[in-house]
Protein backbone atom coordinates (compact mmCIF):
# COMPACT_ATOMS: atom_id res chain seq x y z
CA MET A 1 0.36 13.03 -15.77
CA SER A 2 -0.15 9.26 -15.95
CA ASN A 3 -2.36 6.80 -14.04
CA PHE A 4 -0.99 3.50 -12.77
CA GLU A 5 -2.11 0.45 -10.83
CA ALA A 6 0.03 -1.98 -8.85
CA PRO A 7 -0.80 -5.22 -7.03
CA LEU A 8 -0.99 -5.55 -3.26
CA LEU A 9 0.37 -8.83 -1.94
CA ASN A 10 1.60 -10.18 1.34
CA ALA A 11 1.76 -13.96 1.36
CA SER A 12 1.82 -14.35 5.14
CA VAL A 13 -0.12 -11.81 7.22
CA ILE A 14 0.14 -12.32 10.99
CA ALA A 15 -0.87 -10.56 14.23
CA THR A 16 1.42 -7.57 13.62
CA PHE A 17 1.10 -5.14 10.73
CA ARG A 18 2.74 -6.41 7.54
CA THR A 19 2.96 -4.27 4.41
CA ALA A 20 1.15 -5.59 1.32
CA GLY A 21 2.39 -2.77 -0.91
CA ILE A 22 4.26 0.51 -0.69
CA LEU A 23 4.71 3.31 -3.21
CA TYR A 24 7.50 5.77 -2.50
CA VAL A 25 9.56 8.50 -4.12
CA SER A 26 12.79 7.53 -5.85
CA THR A 27 16.16 7.97 -4.25
CA THR A 28 17.29 10.23 -7.08
CA ALA A 29 16.82 13.89 -6.13
CA ALA A 30 16.88 15.13 -9.72
CA THR A 31 13.83 13.07 -10.65
CA SER A 32 11.58 13.29 -7.59
CA ARG A 33 7.86 13.85 -8.25
CA ARG A 34 4.60 13.80 -6.33
CA TYR A 35 2.10 10.95 -6.37
CA GLN A 36 -1.60 10.92 -5.64
CA VAL A 37 -3.22 7.70 -4.45
CA TYR A 38 -6.86 7.70 -5.50
CA GLU A 39 -8.05 4.11 -5.08
CA VAL A 40 -7.25 1.01 -3.04
CA GLU A 41 -9.04 -2.33 -3.43
CA PHE A 42 -8.21 -5.07 -0.95
CA GLY A 43 -9.21 -8.38 0.59
CA GLN A 44 -7.70 -11.48 2.07
CA THR A 45 -7.49 -15.17 1.31
CA GLY A 46 -6.35 -18.28 3.14
CA SER A 47 -7.75 -20.82 5.56
CA LEU A 48 -10.93 -19.47 7.13
CA ALA A 49 -11.12 -19.38 10.92
CA SER A 50 -13.88 -21.48 12.46
CA THR A 51 -15.45 -18.25 13.72
CA ASP A 52 -15.50 -15.06 11.70
CA ILE A 53 -12.57 -12.75 12.33
CA GLN A 54 -11.78 -9.20 11.32
CA ALA A 55 -8.68 -8.38 9.32
CA THR A 56 -7.43 -4.84 9.95
CA TRP A 57 -6.24 -2.85 6.93
CA ASP A 58 -4.30 0.40 7.24
CA LEU A 59 -2.89 3.12 4.97
CA SER A 60 0.05 4.93 6.57
CA ARG A 61 2.84 7.26 5.56
CA ALA A 62 6.36 5.87 5.52
CA GLY A 63 9.08 8.35 6.33
CA ALA A 64 12.12 6.19 5.66
CA THR A 65 12.16 3.34 3.19
CA ASN A 66 15.89 2.62 3.13
CA ALA A 67 15.48 -0.55 5.26
CA LEU A 68 12.68 -1.87 3.04
CA VAL A 69 13.02 -5.38 1.61
CA GLY A 70 10.39 -6.88 -0.69
CA SER A 71 9.53 -7.67 -4.28
CA SER A 72 10.03 -4.83 -6.75
CA VAL A 73 7.02 -4.46 -9.06
CA THR A 74 6.60 -2.28 -12.13
CA PRO A 75 3.13 -0.69 -11.92
CA ASN A 76 0.82 -1.13 -14.91
CA ALA A 77 -0.01 1.99 -16.91
CA LEU A 78 -3.80 2.30 -17.17
CA ASP A 79 -3.33 3.93 -20.58
CA PRO A 80 -1.12 1.61 -22.66
CA GLY A 81 0.35 4.69 -24.37
CA ASP A 82 1.95 5.88 -21.10
CA ALA A 83 5.46 4.87 -20.09
CA ALA A 84 6.18 3.21 -16.74
CA PRO A 85 6.58 5.67 -13.83
CA ILE A 86 10.06 7.10 -13.95
CA VAL A 87 10.57 8.11 -10.37
CA GLY A 88 8.26 6.05 -8.18
CA LEU A 89 9.33 2.76 -6.70
CA TYR A 90 6.78 0.12 -5.76
CA PHE A 91 7.30 -2.99 -3.65
CA ASN A 92 4.94 -5.68 -2.41
CA ASN A 93 5.31 -8.90 -0.37
CA ILE A 94 7.46 -6.96 2.12
CA THR A 95 9.75 -9.00 4.38
CA THR A 96 11.55 -6.12 6.15
CA GLU A 97 9.21 -3.26 7.04
CA PRO A 98 9.95 0.41 6.34
CA THR A 99 9.80 2.99 9.11
CA TYR A 100 6.27 4.37 9.40
CA THR A 101 5.59 7.86 10.76
CA THR A 102 4.03 8.61 14.14
CA ALA A 103 0.41 9.31 15.02
CA GLY A 104 -0.63 12.78 13.86
CA ASN A 105 1.99 12.72 11.11
CA GLY A 106 0.40 10.17 8.81
CA LEU A 107 0.21 6.95 10.82
CA SER A 108 -3.12 5.25 10.05
CA LEU A 109 -4.41 7.83 7.56
CA LYS A 110 -7.22 5.36 6.85
CA GLN A 111 -8.10 2.14 8.64
CA TRP A 112 -10.73 -0.56 8.08
CA ALA A 113 -11.80 -3.80 9.76
CA ILE A 114 -12.85 -6.27 7.08
CA ASN A 115 -14.51 -9.64 7.69
CA GLN A 116 -12.27 -12.53 6.62
CA ARG A 117 -14.68 -13.34 3.79
CA GLY A 118 -15.00 -9.74 2.59
CA SER A 119 -13.23 -7.21 0.45
CA TYR A 120 -13.31 -3.42 0.31
CA ARG A 121 -12.73 -0.56 -2.10
CA TRP A 122 -11.70 2.96 -1.05
CA ARG A 123 -11.83 5.64 -3.73
CA ALA A 124 -11.18 9.37 -3.45
CA LEU A 125 -14.35 11.26 -4.31
CA ASP A 126 -12.42 13.90 -6.26
CA ASP A 127 -8.87 15.17 -6.71
CA GLY A 128 -9.02 17.04 -3.39
CA ASP A 129 -9.45 13.73 -1.54
CA ASN A 130 -6.42 11.97 -3.02
CA LEU A 131 -3.70 10.88 -0.61
CA ILE A 132 -0.58 12.86 -1.57
CA ILE A 133 2.96 11.51 -1.47
CA PRO A 134 5.22 14.58 -1.45
CA ALA A 135 8.27 14.84 -3.71
CA THR A 136 10.46 14.04 -0.73
CA LEU A 137 13.02 11.31 -1.18
CA GLN A 138 12.33 7.99 0.56
CA HIS A 139 8.76 8.98 1.59
CA GLY A 140 5.69 7.07 0.58
CA ILE A 141 2.40 5.42 1.51
CA GLY A 142 2.09 1.79 2.52
CA VAL A 143 -0.95 -0.47 2.68
CA ARG A 144 -0.69 -2.78 5.70
CA MET A 145 -2.75 -5.62 7.16
CA LEU A 146 -2.91 -7.63 10.37
CA ILE A 147 -5.10 -10.43 11.75
CA PRO A 148 -5.87 -11.43 15.35
CA ALA A 149 -3.38 -13.60 17.24
CA GLY A 150 -4.05 -17.32 17.12
CA VAL A 151 -5.58 -17.28 13.63
CA ALA A 152 -3.91 -19.18 10.78
CA ALA A 153 -1.91 -16.85 8.53
CA MET A 154 -3.79 -15.28 5.63
CA SER A 155 -2.60 -13.64 2.44
CA ALA A 156 -3.35 -10.02 1.57
CA PHE A 157 -4.38 -9.19 -2.00
CA GLY A 158 -5.58 -6.14 -3.86
CA ASN A 159 -4.61 -3.17 -6.01
CA ILE A 160 -3.49 0.40 -5.46
CA SER A 161 -4.13 3.07 -8.11
CA PHE A 162 -2.18 6.32 -8.31
CA VAL A 163 -1.25 9.29 -10.48
CA GLU A 164 2.33 10.43 -11.11
CA ARG A 165 2.55 14.25 -11.29
């Protein structure tokens, strides 16, 4: 069991949800494992609107990641003695969105409205509160953001921390 952290990034958030980072199970059946997300830190940067706006952040389950296009990132091991995750794939700065599940099946597991000048940290209180990614191929959890229409594009930044089991 190893702990990892990966960066959230989306360089151009707009008025529709854009994924800043997604962790999902490898496409190789022989190596699939479960993941537990236990912390997400996030905020936004860019030109400030003349009046305060709220950026909406969302954690949702993705049921099909085969259409996903973005930047592949190797998560950092929090213990330098651990090897990189062997079965999880992580992407940020997504340009082609994955397919997210429907309401009641993991869409918007968690959602926050954050002031444009603010940041937020969600942390599971204990292991029973972790968000689980099952050992099901092409399934994962994405961190998404949107801003109101008519506001200059912002960038999404942060970190996601998880355990590979």
